[in-house]
Amino acid sequence: MESNKIYVGLDIGTTKVVAMVGTTNRNGKIQILGYGVSKPQEKISKGVAMSLSKTATAVMQATDLARRSADVDIKEVMVGISGQNISTRTHSDYISRISPEKLIDVDDLERLKSQVNAITLGAGERIIHALPQYYKVDSTSDIKDPIGMVGGRLDATYHLVIGQTSAINNVNRTIEMANLKAIDITLEPIASAEAVLTDDEKEGGVVLVDIGGGTTDVAIFKEGIIRHAAVIPFGGAIITEDIQSAYGINAKYAEEVKVTFGSAWPGEIPENEIITIPGKNSKEISLKSLSKIIHSRVSEIINLVHNVIKSYGHEDVKNKLHEGIVLTGGGSQMQHIVHLVKYITGMNTRVGYPDEYLVLDNNREELRVPTYATSIGLVMCAIEKEKEEQIKKLLAEKQKKKEEEERLKKQQEDLLRQQNEETEKEKEQQLKYEIKAKEKNNDDDYEEDDEEDDKKEKKKGISITIRSLGNKIKGYLNTFNKKDEDDDEEDE
């Protein structure tokens, strides 16, 4: 990553918009450079913006404040998303590997994930996150990390976080209207978990519960992996509405009463404690009755959270969540809420603060509260996103280099084959030439042999003729000599 590069997290909440600017120091810690907070002119209902233009205005206000606070230029942001339009499901898929003897690497995992991201969903749905749960290599299953193994088939089971395409498009459109670019969209409980959970908690099994204004987000971790996520469409805002309705006061005073005096456990509040709500028609409110109203609604929300935990199957031995529940978000600051959550779920509970990985100076101490967990977590997600992009870039360069090497290798092989073919052709031509020459030599030898034979035959014929003449002459001589002898006898 670039030195001193800035990263911006943008949390578009129900009651506020937060832009958080951070960077990394030499030790890998997150240093917050500045931030900005604005309030939307129109309430965002259950995580869904009702007016894009007014939300965009709030985004511009928050980023302008952050820009001045950090003295940097802001062009790109990591955006959080939540809301009742979020759903989840499990999906399994696989790829076949061309070279089973080669080690499985990040490229194989990215190829499988890309294949999963391309699956067909319901109308108007889009995958926000494909979170790997377990891998399988050939017949070996329940693998957490298959890198370095060998095999012909790579399977994986994913937990898919799915959003409505219209809601995602609205988020992107809002960011564009604010003259910004969204580098990515992240489910908010995943971001909050980055800021407040430790690695040990994620490994041992933990539930992150982020109680925001419009929604309560749940993320379950086990063995260092997010196993389940859910969004409950109730948060702190509905508690404010309950108080407003019960006492007939305006939203501003209802929120102040909730934040300042609210408690989730009525048993801790004395019967005789009374507060006065100012205004034209001032009212006295019993803190005991206020606590009962809050207790009722918070209990409903926590019971819904407990249902999510039970649906995950935490009672199974392998799914045990040994680290309990970590609360964060603005709603986690309510008095006695930890006590109530422990009572309903029977699980250890603590409040998570976003300072586990932070370096804060004295001027930023106000950020050490759960309210800023999501925006700080989004900064951390932006940093992780860049790391992933760098890995993908390296993989792309590696693949390009590999393809170039294969091209050069093929080119060399083609050239060598061409040379071999030409050599073979020359050899073939030479062989043909030699065969022809040999045939010619053989023909010449045959002609010479024929001439010699002719000479021999002629010589033989002459010899026979001479012998024949000699025999004839000898015959004549013998005949002549015999005649002479006969004549001599007659004379005698």
Protein backbone atom coordinates (compact mmCIF):
# COMPACT_ATOMS: atom_id res chain seq x y z
CA MET A 1 0.00 0.00 0.00
CA GLU A 2 1.03 3.55 -0.60
CA SER A 3 2.64 5.34 2.30
CA ASN A 4 0.35 7.90 3.99
CA LYS A 5 -2.52 7.09 1.65
CA ILE A 6 -5.87 8.05 3.12
CA TYR A 7 -8.93 5.82 3.43
CA VAL A 8 -12.47 7.06 4.03
CA GLY A 9 -15.35 5.16 5.60
CA LEU A 10 -18.87 6.48 5.06
CA ASP A 11 -21.61 5.34 7.45
CA ILE A 12 -25.05 6.44 6.26
CA GLY A 13 -27.11 5.78 9.38
CA THR A 14 -30.73 6.40 10.29
CA THR A 15 -30.02 9.38 12.53
CA LYS A 16 -26.61 10.55 11.29
CA VAL A 17 -24.04 10.33 8.48
CA VAL A 18 -20.41 9.86 9.52
CA ALA A 19 -17.37 10.28 7.26
CA MET A 20 -14.19 8.92 8.88
CA VAL A 21 -10.70 9.58 7.44
CA GLY A 22 -7.79 7.32 8.40
CA THR A 23 -4.43 5.98 7.36
CA THR A 24 -1.98 3.33 8.56
CA ASN A 25 1.20 3.84 10.55
CA ARG A 26 4.41 1.80 10.41
CA ASN A 27 3.08 -0.71 12.95
CA GLY A 28 -0.08 -1.40 10.94
CA LYS A 29 -2.30 0.48 13.39
CA ILE A 30 -5.10 2.72 12.13
CA GLN A 31 -4.59 6.43 12.69
CA ILE A 32 -7.68 8.62 12.43
CA LEU A 33 -6.88 11.93 10.73
CA GLY A 34 -10.29 13.53 10.95
CA TYR A 35 -14.03 12.97 10.68
CA GLY A 36 -17.33 14.71 10.02
CA VAL A 37 -20.88 14.12 11.26
CA SER A 38 -24.12 15.43 9.79
CA LYS A 39 -27.80 14.72 10.30
CA PRO A 40 -30.06 13.91 7.33
CA GLN A 41 -32.84 16.42 6.75
CA GLU A 42 -35.15 13.47 6.28
CA LYS A 43 -34.99 10.34 8.41
CA ILE A 44 -33.61 7.19 6.83
CA SER A 45 -36.20 4.52 7.60
CA LYS A 46 -34.83 1.14 8.68
CA GLY A 47 -31.64 1.63 6.73
CA VAL A 48 -33.38 2.78 3.53
CA ALA A 49 -32.96 6.37 2.29
CA MET A 50 -36.32 7.94 1.52
CA SER A 51 -34.89 10.98 -0.34
CA LEU A 52 -31.69 10.57 -2.35
CA SER A 53 -31.12 14.30 -2.74
CA LYS A 54 -31.43 15.02 0.98
CA THR A 55 -29.26 12.03 1.86
CA ALA A 56 -26.67 13.19 -0.69
CA THR A 57 -26.70 16.62 0.94
CA ALA A 58 -26.01 15.04 4.34
CA VAL A 59 -23.18 13.01 2.79
CA MET A 60 -21.64 16.15 1.30
CA GLN A 61 -21.86 17.94 4.65
CA ALA A 62 -20.19 15.07 6.51
CA THR A 63 -17.39 14.64 3.96
CA ASP A 64 -16.77 18.42 3.85
CA LEU A 65 -16.35 18.45 7.62
CA ALA A 66 -14.05 15.43 7.42
CA ARG A 67 -12.06 17.05 4.62
CA ARG A 68 -11.45 20.19 6.68
CA SER A 69 -10.78 18.20 9.84
CA ALA A 70 -8.15 15.98 8.21
CA ASP A 71 -6.90 18.63 5.75
CA VAL A 72 -7.11 16.17 2.85
CA ASP A 73 -9.01 15.83 -0.40
CA ILE A 74 -11.72 13.15 -0.42
CA LYS A 75 -12.70 11.50 -3.68
CA GLU A 76 -13.35 7.83 -2.85
CA VAL A 77 -15.24 6.23 0.05
CA MET A 78 -15.99 2.77 1.42
CA VAL A 79 -19.74 2.76 2.00
CA GLY A 80 -21.69 0.75 4.56
CA ILE A 81 -25.05 -0.81 3.79
CA SER A 82 -27.72 -2.31 6.01
CA GLY A 83 -31.49 -2.35 6.11
CA GLN A 84 -34.42 -4.70 5.89
CA ASN A 85 -33.64 -5.43 2.22
CA ILE A 86 -30.64 -7.56 3.23
CA SER A 87 -31.00 -11.35 3.11
CA THR A 88 -28.63 -14.31 3.41
CA ARG A 89 -28.41 -17.87 2.08
CA THR A 90 -25.96 -20.74 1.72
CA HIS A 91 -24.54 -21.79 -1.64
CA SER A 92 -22.08 -24.52 -2.67
CA ASP A 93 -20.05 -24.60 -5.87
CA TYR A 94 -16.90 -26.12 -7.35
CA ILE A 95 -14.27 -25.82 -10.05
CA SER A 96 -12.27 -28.50 -11.87
CA ARG A 97 -8.52 -27.97 -12.01
CA ILE A 98 -6.68 -28.67 -15.27
CA SER A 99 -3.47 -29.65 -13.48
CA PRO A 100 -4.38 -31.59 -10.30
CA GLU A 101 -0.71 -32.09 -9.42
CA LYS A 102 -0.13 -28.34 -9.07
CA LEU A 103 -0.57 -26.64 -5.68
CA ILE A 104 -3.86 -24.84 -5.05
CA ASP A 105 -3.23 -21.09 -4.85
CA VAL A 106 -5.10 -17.81 -4.40
CA ASP A 107 -5.89 -17.76 -8.11
CA ASP A 108 -7.95 -20.95 -7.72
CA LEU A 109 -9.91 -19.44 -4.80
CA GLU A 110 -10.57 -16.24 -6.76
CA ARG A 111 -11.74 -18.24 -9.78
CA LEU A 112 -14.19 -20.18 -7.63
CA LYS A 113 -15.43 -17.01 -5.91
CA SER A 114 -15.93 -15.27 -9.26
CA GLN A 115 -18.00 -18.24 -10.39
CA VAL A 116 -20.16 -17.95 -7.27
CA ASN A 117 -20.63 -14.19 -7.74
CA ALA A 118 -21.97 -14.90 -11.23
CA ILE A 119 -24.80 -17.24 -10.15
CA THR A 120 -28.38 -16.37 -11.00
CA LEU A 121 -30.43 -14.92 -8.14
CA GLY A 122 -34.01 -13.81 -7.81
CA ALA A 123 -35.27 -10.80 -9.73
CA GLY A 124 -33.77 -7.58 -8.41
CA GLU A 125 -31.16 -9.26 -6.19
CA ARG A 126 -27.39 -8.85 -6.10
CA ILE A 127 -24.62 -10.50 -4.09
CA ILE A 128 -22.88 -8.09 -1.71
CA HIS A 129 -20.57 -10.63 -0.06
CA ALA A 130 -19.70 -14.26 -0.81
CA LEU A 131 -18.19 -15.45 2.47
CA PRO A 132 -16.40 -18.84 2.26
CA GLN A 133 -17.27 -21.27 5.08
CA TYR A 134 -15.51 -24.54 4.26
CA TYR A 135 -13.57 -26.00 1.35
CA LYS A 136 -13.30 -29.53 0.01
CA VAL A 137 -10.44 -30.88 -2.11
CA ASP A 138 -11.40 -34.09 -3.90
CA SER A 139 -12.58 -36.35 -1.05
CA THR A 140 -11.07 -34.30 1.83
CA SER A 141 -13.72 -32.05 3.40
CA ASP A 142 -14.07 -29.40 6.15
CA ILE A 143 -10.93 -27.56 5.04
CA LYS A 144 -10.51 -24.02 6.32
CA ASP A 145 -7.67 -23.02 3.96
CA PRO A 146 -6.89 -25.24 0.93
CA ILE A 147 -3.92 -23.20 -0.33
CA GLY A 148 -0.90 -25.47 -0.81
CA MET A 149 -2.96 -28.66 -1.25
CA VAL A 150 -3.25 -30.63 -4.50
CA GLY A 151 -6.33 -32.02 -6.19
CA GLY A 152 -8.45 -32.08 -9.31
CA ARG A 153 -11.66 -30.64 -7.84
CA LEU A 154 -12.07 -27.72 -5.44
CA ASP A 155 -15.46 -27.32 -3.70
CA ALA A 156 -16.60 -24.60 -1.32
CA THR A 157 -19.65 -23.63 0.69
CA TYR A 158 -20.39 -19.90 0.87
CA HIS A 159 -22.59 -17.71 3.06
CA LEU A 160 -24.08 -15.20 0.63
CA VAL A 161 -25.14 -11.74 1.77
CA ILE A 162 -27.70 -10.51 -0.75
CA GLY A 163 -29.12 -7.04 -1.23
CA GLN A 164 -31.82 -5.55 -3.38
CA THR A 165 -30.38 -4.17 -6.61
CA SER A 166 -32.55 -1.05 -6.27
CA ALA A 167 -31.20 -0.33 -2.76
CA ILE A 168 -27.59 -0.83 -3.89
CA ASN A 169 -28.17 1.40 -6.91
CA ASN A 170 -29.67 4.07 -4.65
CA VAL A 171 -26.58 4.01 -2.44
CA ASN A 172 -24.32 4.37 -5.47
CA ARG A 173 -26.49 7.13 -6.91
CA THR A 174 -26.40 9.01 -3.59
CA ILE A 175 -22.60 8.82 -3.54
CA GLU A 176 -22.40 10.09 -7.13
CA MET A 177 -24.73 12.99 -6.32
CA ALA A 178 -22.30 13.92 -3.53
CA ASN A 179 -19.48 14.02 -6.14
CA LEU A 180 -17.79 10.96 -4.68
CA LYS A 181 -16.92 7.46 -5.87
CA ALA A 182 -17.78 4.30 -3.94
CA ILE A 183 -14.83 1.90 -4.06
CA ASP A 184 -17.07 -0.81 -2.61
CA ILE A 185 -20.14 -1.48 -0.47
CA THR A 186 -19.77 -3.43 2.79
CA LEU A 187 -22.39 -4.88 5.10
CA GLU A 188 -22.20 -2.70 8.22
CA PRO A 189 -21.95 -5.46 10.88
CA ILE A 190 -18.92 -6.83 9.05
CA ALA A 191 -17.33 -3.38 9.26
CA SER A 192 -18.25 -2.95 12.92
CA ALA A 193 -16.77 -6.36 13.72
CA GLU A 194 -13.45 -5.30 12.20
CA ALA A 195 -13.30 -2.39 14.65
CA VAL A 196 -14.42 -3.99 17.93
CA LEU A 197 -13.70 -7.75 17.84
CA THR A 198 -10.39 -9.39 18.62
CA ASP A 199 -8.95 -12.26 16.60
CA ASP A 200 -9.33 -14.55 19.63
CA GLU A 201 -13.04 -13.74 19.85
CA LYS A 202 -13.56 -14.45 16.17
CA GLU A 203 -11.69 -17.73 16.50
CA GLY A 204 -13.49 -18.94 19.64
CA GLY A 205 -16.97 -17.96 18.46
CA VAL A 206 -18.69 -14.62 19.06
CA VAL A 207 -21.85 -12.69 18.16
CA LEU A 208 -21.49 -9.06 17.13
CA VAL A 209 -24.70 -7.08 17.77
CA ASP A 210 -24.66 -3.54 16.37
CA ILE A 211 -27.68 -1.61 17.69
CA GLY A 212 -28.08 1.33 15.34
CA GLY A 213 -30.81 3.88 14.89
CA GLY A 214 -32.98 2.06 12.36
CA THR A 215 -31.69 -1.51 12.46
CA THR A 216 -29.89 -4.00 14.68
CA ASP A 217 -27.21 -5.85 12.74
CA VAL A 218 -25.97 -9.30 13.74
CA ALA A 219 -22.79 -11.07 12.64
CA ILE A 220 -21.67 -14.47 13.98
CA PHE A 221 -18.01 -15.49 13.83
CA LYS A 222 -16.45 -18.91 14.43
CA GLU A 223 -12.92 -20.15 13.70
CA GLY A 224 -12.00 -16.70 12.44
CA ILE A 225 -14.70 -16.75 9.74
CA ILE A 226 -18.04 -14.95 9.57
CA ARG A 227 -20.59 -17.76 9.62
CA HIS A 228 -23.88 -15.92 9.61
CA ALA A 229 -25.24 -12.38 9.25
CA ALA A 230 -28.68 -10.90 9.70
CA VAL A 231 -30.40 -7.52 9.90
CA ILE A 232 -33.25 -6.91 12.36
CA PRO A 233 -35.43 -3.97 11.23
CA PHE A 234 -35.57 -2.32 14.68
CA GLY A 235 -33.08 -0.14 16.49
CA GLY A 236 -32.78 2.80 18.81
CA ALA A 237 -35.14 5.00 16.79
CA ILE A 238 -38.17 2.84 17.56
CA ILE A 239 -37.43 3.17 21.30
CA THR A 240 -37.47 6.95 20.87
CA GLU A 241 -40.83 6.66 19.08
CA ASP A 242 -42.22 4.56 21.94
CA ILE A 243 -41.20 7.23 24.48
CA GLN A 244 -42.60 10.01 22.30
CA SER A 245 -45.90 8.17 21.95
CA ALA A 246 -46.17 7.21 25.64
CA TYR A 247 -45.59 10.70 27.01
CA GLY A 248 -46.81 12.88 24.16
CA ILE A 249 -43.52 14.74 23.77
CA ASN A 250 -41.61 15.70 20.64
CA ALA A 251 -38.89 13.51 19.12
CA LYS A 252 -36.05 15.79 20.26
CA TYR A 253 -36.99 15.55 23.95
CA ALA A 254 -37.77 11.83 23.65
CA GLU A 255 -34.28 11.18 22.30
CA GLU A 256 -32.65 13.29 25.02
CA VAL A 257 -34.57 11.47 27.75
CA LYS A 258 -33.62 8.08 26.31
CA VAL A 259 -29.93 8.89 26.02
CA THR A 260 -29.59 10.70 29.33
CA PHE A 261 -31.87 8.73 31.68
CA GLY A 262 -32.82 5.57 29.81
CA SER A 263 -32.24 2.13 31.34
CA ALA A 264 -33.01 -1.33 29.99
CA TRP A 265 -33.44 -2.87 33.44
CA PRO A 266 -36.29 -1.41 35.56
CA GLY A 267 -35.20 -3.31 38.66
CA GLU A 268 -32.21 -1.02 38.98
CA ILE A 269 -34.32 2.17 39.06
CA PRO A 270 -35.85 3.50 42.31
CA GLU A 271 -39.63 4.10 42.32
CA ASN A 272 -39.44 7.74 43.42
CA GLU A 273 -37.05 9.13 40.77
CA ILE A 274 -38.80 11.76 38.65
CA ILE A 275 -37.61 14.02 35.83
CA THR A 276 -39.27 17.05 34.27
CA ILE A 277 -39.58 17.53 30.50
CA PRO A 278 -39.33 21.26 29.70
CA GLY A 279 -41.59 23.07 27.30
CA LYS A 280 -44.90 24.96 27.21
CA ASN A 281 -46.60 21.96 28.73
CA SER A 282 -43.85 20.61 30.94
CA LYS A 283 -44.29 17.07 32.15
CA GLU A 284 -42.96 14.94 34.96
CA ILE A 285 -41.86 11.44 34.06
CA SER A 286 -41.11 8.55 36.37
CA LEU A 287 -37.74 7.00 35.47
CA LYS A 288 -39.17 3.64 36.55
CA SER A 289 -41.97 3.89 33.98
CA LEU A 290 -39.48 5.16 31.37
CA SER A 291 -37.29 2.14 32.03
CA LYS A 292 -40.25 -0.23 31.62
CA ILE A 293 -41.02 1.23 28.18
CA ILE A 294 -37.38 0.88 27.12
CA HIS A 295 -37.12 -2.61 28.65
CA SER A 296 -40.11 -3.83 26.67
CA ARG A 297 -38.76 -2.74 23.29
CA VAL A 298 -35.12 -3.71 23.94
CA SER A 299 -36.27 -7.15 25.13
CA GLU A 300 -38.12 -7.60 21.84
CA ILE A 301 -34.99 -6.71 19.86
CA ILE A 302 -32.71 -8.96 21.93
CA ASN A 303 -35.16 -11.88 21.61
CA LEU A 304 -34.99 -11.46 17.83
CA VAL A 305 -31.19 -11.47 18.10
CA HIS A 306 -31.40 -14.65 20.19
CA ASN A 307 -33.54 -16.27 17.49
CA VAL A 308 -30.80 -15.51 14.94
CA ILE A 309 -28.22 -17.11 17.24
CA LYS A 310 -30.39 -20.20 17.72
CA SER A 311 -30.99 -20.49 13.97
CA TYR A 312 -27.21 -20.63 13.52
CA GLY A 313 -27.20 -23.70 15.76
CA HIS A 314 -24.90 -22.49 18.52
CA GLU A 315 -26.03 -25.34 20.78
CA ASP A 316 -24.13 -27.82 18.60
CA VAL A 317 -20.68 -28.58 19.97
CA LYS A 318 -18.91 -27.50 16.79
CA ASN A 319 -20.87 -24.22 16.70
CA LYS A 320 -20.36 -23.19 20.32
CA LEU A 321 -19.86 -19.44 20.69
CA HIS A 322 -17.44 -19.45 23.62
CA GLU A 323 -16.74 -15.70 23.53
CA GLY A 324 -20.39 -14.72 23.94
CA ILE A 325 -21.92 -11.48 22.65
CA VAL A 326 -20.28 -8.11 21.92
CA LEU A 327 -22.63 -5.12 21.73
CA THR A 328 -21.75 -1.99 19.80
CA GLY A 329 -23.45 0.94 18.06
CA GLY A 330 -25.24 3.83 19.73
CA GLY A 331 -27.85 1.58 21.37
CA SER A 332 -25.18 -0.37 23.25
CA GLN A 333 -24.53 2.66 25.48
CA MET A 334 -27.89 2.38 27.20
CA GLN A 335 -27.68 1.74 30.92
CA HIS A 336 -28.00 -1.89 32.08
CA ILE A 337 -28.38 -3.28 28.54
CA VAL A 338 -25.55 -5.75 29.14
CA HIS A 339 -27.44 -7.13 32.13
CA LEU A 340 -30.60 -7.58 30.03
CA VAL A 341 -28.78 -9.31 27.16
CA LYS A 342 -27.10 -11.75 29.57
CA TYR A 343 -30.48 -12.48 31.18
CA ILE A 344 -32.28 -13.20 27.86
CA THR A 345 -29.54 -15.14 26.06
CA GLY A 346 -27.62 -16.69 28.93
CA MET A 347 -24.40 -15.70 27.20
CA ASN A 348 -21.47 -13.61 28.39
CA THR A 349 -21.84 -10.07 27.08
CA ARG A 350 -19.65 -6.99 26.84
CA VAL A 351 -19.72 -3.63 25.05
CA GLY A 352 -17.25 -3.31 22.16
CA TYR A 353 -15.28 -0.10 21.66
CA PRO A 354 -13.52 0.77 18.39
CA ASP A 355 -10.06 1.26 19.86
CA GLU A 356 -8.57 -2.23 19.50
CA TYR A 357 -6.58 -1.31 16.40
CA LEU A 358 -6.55 2.49 16.68
CA VAL A 359 -3.89 5.06 17.41
CA LEU A 360 -5.69 8.08 18.84
CA ASP A 361 -4.23 11.33 20.13
CA ASN A 362 -5.81 13.37 22.87
CA ASN A 363 -7.80 15.32 20.31
CA ARG A 364 -9.60 12.17 19.13
CA GLU A 365 -10.61 10.59 22.44
CA GLU A 366 -14.29 11.19 21.60
CA LEU A 367 -14.01 8.46 18.96
CA ARG A 368 -13.51 5.76 21.62
CA VAL A 369 -17.26 5.10 21.74
CA PRO A 370 -19.43 2.43 20.07
CA THR A 371 -21.21 5.10 18.01
CA TYR A 372 -18.24 5.27 15.64
CA ALA A 373 -17.57 1.52 15.38
CA THR A 374 -19.08 1.20 11.90
CA SER A 375 -17.35 4.22 10.32
CA ILE A 376 -13.95 3.23 11.77
CA GLY A 377 -14.56 -0.36 10.65
CA LEU A 378 -15.29 0.90 7.14
CA VAL A 379 -11.88 2.60 7.10
CA MET A 380 -10.35 -0.75 8.01
CA CYS A 381 -12.39 -2.46 5.27
CA ALA A 382 -11.08 0.07 2.74
CA ILE A 383 -7.52 -0.84 3.75
CA GLU A 384 -8.29 -4.56 3.38
CA LYS A 385 -9.94 -3.88 0.03
CA GLU A 386 -6.75 -2.32 -1.28
CA LYS A 387 -4.74 -5.30 -0.06
CA GLU A 388 -7.12 -7.60 -1.97
CA GLU A 389 -6.81 -5.44 -5.08
CA GLN A 390 -3.03 -5.60 -4.84
CA ILE A 391 -3.21 -9.41 -4.58
CA LYS A 392 -5.50 -9.52 -7.60
CA LYS A 393 -3.14 -7.21 -9.46
CA LEU A 394 -0.18 -9.45 -8.62
CA LEU A 395 -2.18 -12.48 -9.71
CA ALA A 396 -3.10 -10.75 -12.97
CA GLU A 397 0.54 -9.83 -13.57
CA LYS A 398 1.55 -13.39 -12.71
CA GLN A 399 -1.05 -14.75 -15.12
CA LYS A 400 0.07 -12.31 -17.82
CA LYS A 401 3.69 -13.32 -17.27
CA LYS A 402 2.69 -16.97 -17.38
CA GLU A 403 0.77 -16.46 -20.63
CA GLU A 404 3.75 -14.56 -22.10
CA GLU A 405 6.11 -17.35 -21.05
CA GLU A 406 3.76 -19.92 -22.57
CA ARG A 407 3.54 -17.84 -25.76
CA LEU A 408 7.34 -17.60 -26.00
CA LYS A 409 7.66 -21.30 -25.20
CA LYS A 410 5.15 -22.15 -27.92
CA GLN A 411 6.94 -19.80 -30.30
CA GLN A 412 10.25 -21.53 -29.54
CA GLU A 413 8.62 -24.94 -29.91
CA ASP A 414 7.09 -23.90 -33.24
CA LEU A 415 10.46 -22.57 -34.41
CA LEU A 416 12.23 -25.74 -33.27
CA ARG A 417 9.57 -27.87 -34.94
CA GLN A 418 9.94 -25.85 -38.12
CA GLN A 419 13.71 -26.27 -38.00
CA ASN A 420 13.31 -29.99 -37.39
CA GLU A 421 10.87 -30.23 -40.26
CA GLU A 422 13.28 -28.39 -42.53
CA THR A 423 16.16 -30.61 -41.35
CA GLU A 424 14.06 -33.72 -41.96
CA LYS A 425 13.12 -32.40 -45.36
CA GLU A 426 16.76 -31.77 -46.19
CA LYS A 427 17.64 -35.26 -44.97
CA GLU A 428 14.85 -36.69 -47.07
CA GLN A 429 16.06 -34.78 -50.11
CA GLN A 430 19.63 -35.91 -49.44
CA LEU A 431 18.47 -39.49 -49.05
CA LYS A 432 16.55 -39.31 -52.31
CA TYR A 433 19.61 -37.85 -53.98
CA GLU A 434 21.83 -40.58 -52.58
CA ILE A 435 19.36 -43.29 -53.65
CA LYS A 436 19.24 -41.81 -57.13
CA ALA A 437 23.00 -41.59 -57.30
CA LYS A 438 23.31 -45.16 -56.10
CA GLU A 439 20.76 -46.32 -58.63
CA LYS A 440 22.73 -44.47 -61.33
CA ASN A 441 25.98 -46.05 -60.17
CA ASN A 442 24.33 -49.44 -60.18
CA ASP A 443 23.12 -48.86 -63.74
CA ASP A 444 26.64 -47.87 -64.79
CA ASP A 445 28.03 -50.99 -63.12
CA TYR A 446 25.49 -53.11 -64.92
CA GLU A 447 26.50 -51.59 -68.30
CA GLU A 448 30.20 -52.22 -67.61
CA ASP A 449 29.47 -55.78 -66.63
CA ASP A 450 27.48 -56.26 -69.81
CA GLU A 451 30.35 -54.92 -71.93
CA GLU A 452 32.85 -57.18 -70.15
CA ASP A 453 30.53 -60.11 -70.65
CA ASP A 454 30.21 -59.22 -74.31
CA LYS A 455 33.98 -59.08 -74.59
CA LYS A 456 34.29 -62.41 -72.83
CA GLU A 457 31.64 -63.91 -75.05
CA LYS A 458 33.33 -62.52 -78.17
CA LYS A 459 36.70 -63.77 -76.93
CA LYS A 460 35.18 -67.11 -76.14
CA GLY A 461 33.57 -67.20 -79.56
CA ILE A 462 36.91 -66.41 -81.23
CA SER A 463 38.62 -69.10 -79.19
CA ILE A 464 36.00 -71.59 -80.21
CA THR A 465 36.33 -70.53 -83.80
CA ILE A 466 40.14 -70.85 -83.68
CA ARG A 467 39.88 -74.26 -82.02
CA SER A 468 37.38 -75.30 -84.61
CA LEU A 469 39.65 -74.13 -87.45
CA GLY A 470 42.58 -75.82 -85.77
CA ASN A 471 40.68 -79.07 -85.56
CA LYS A 472 39.67 -78.76 -89.18
CA ILE A 473 43.23 -78.05 -90.25
CA LYS A 474 44.42 -80.92 -88.10
CA GLY A 475 41.82 -83.08 -89.76
CA TYR A 476 42.93 -82.03 -93.17
CA LEU A 477 46.57 -82.66 -92.26
CA ASN A 478 45.75 -86.08 -90.90
CA THR A 479 43.81 -86.90 -94.02
CA PHE A 480 46.59 -85.61 -96.23
CA ASN A 481 49.28 -87.56 -94.33
CA LYS A 482 47.25 -90.74 -94.50
CA LYS A 483 46.86 -90.34 -98.26
CA ASP A 484 50.59 -89.91 -98.65
CA GLU A 485 51.17 -93.11 -96.72
CA ASP A 486 48.72 -94.95 -98.88
CA ASP A 487 50.44 -93.63 -102.01
CA ASP A 488 53.80 -94.81 -100.73
CA GLU A 489 52.50 -98.29 -100.14
CA GLU A 490 51.17 -98.45 -103.61
CA ASP A 491 54.55 -97.46 -105.06
CA GLU A 492 56.25 -100.19 -103.20
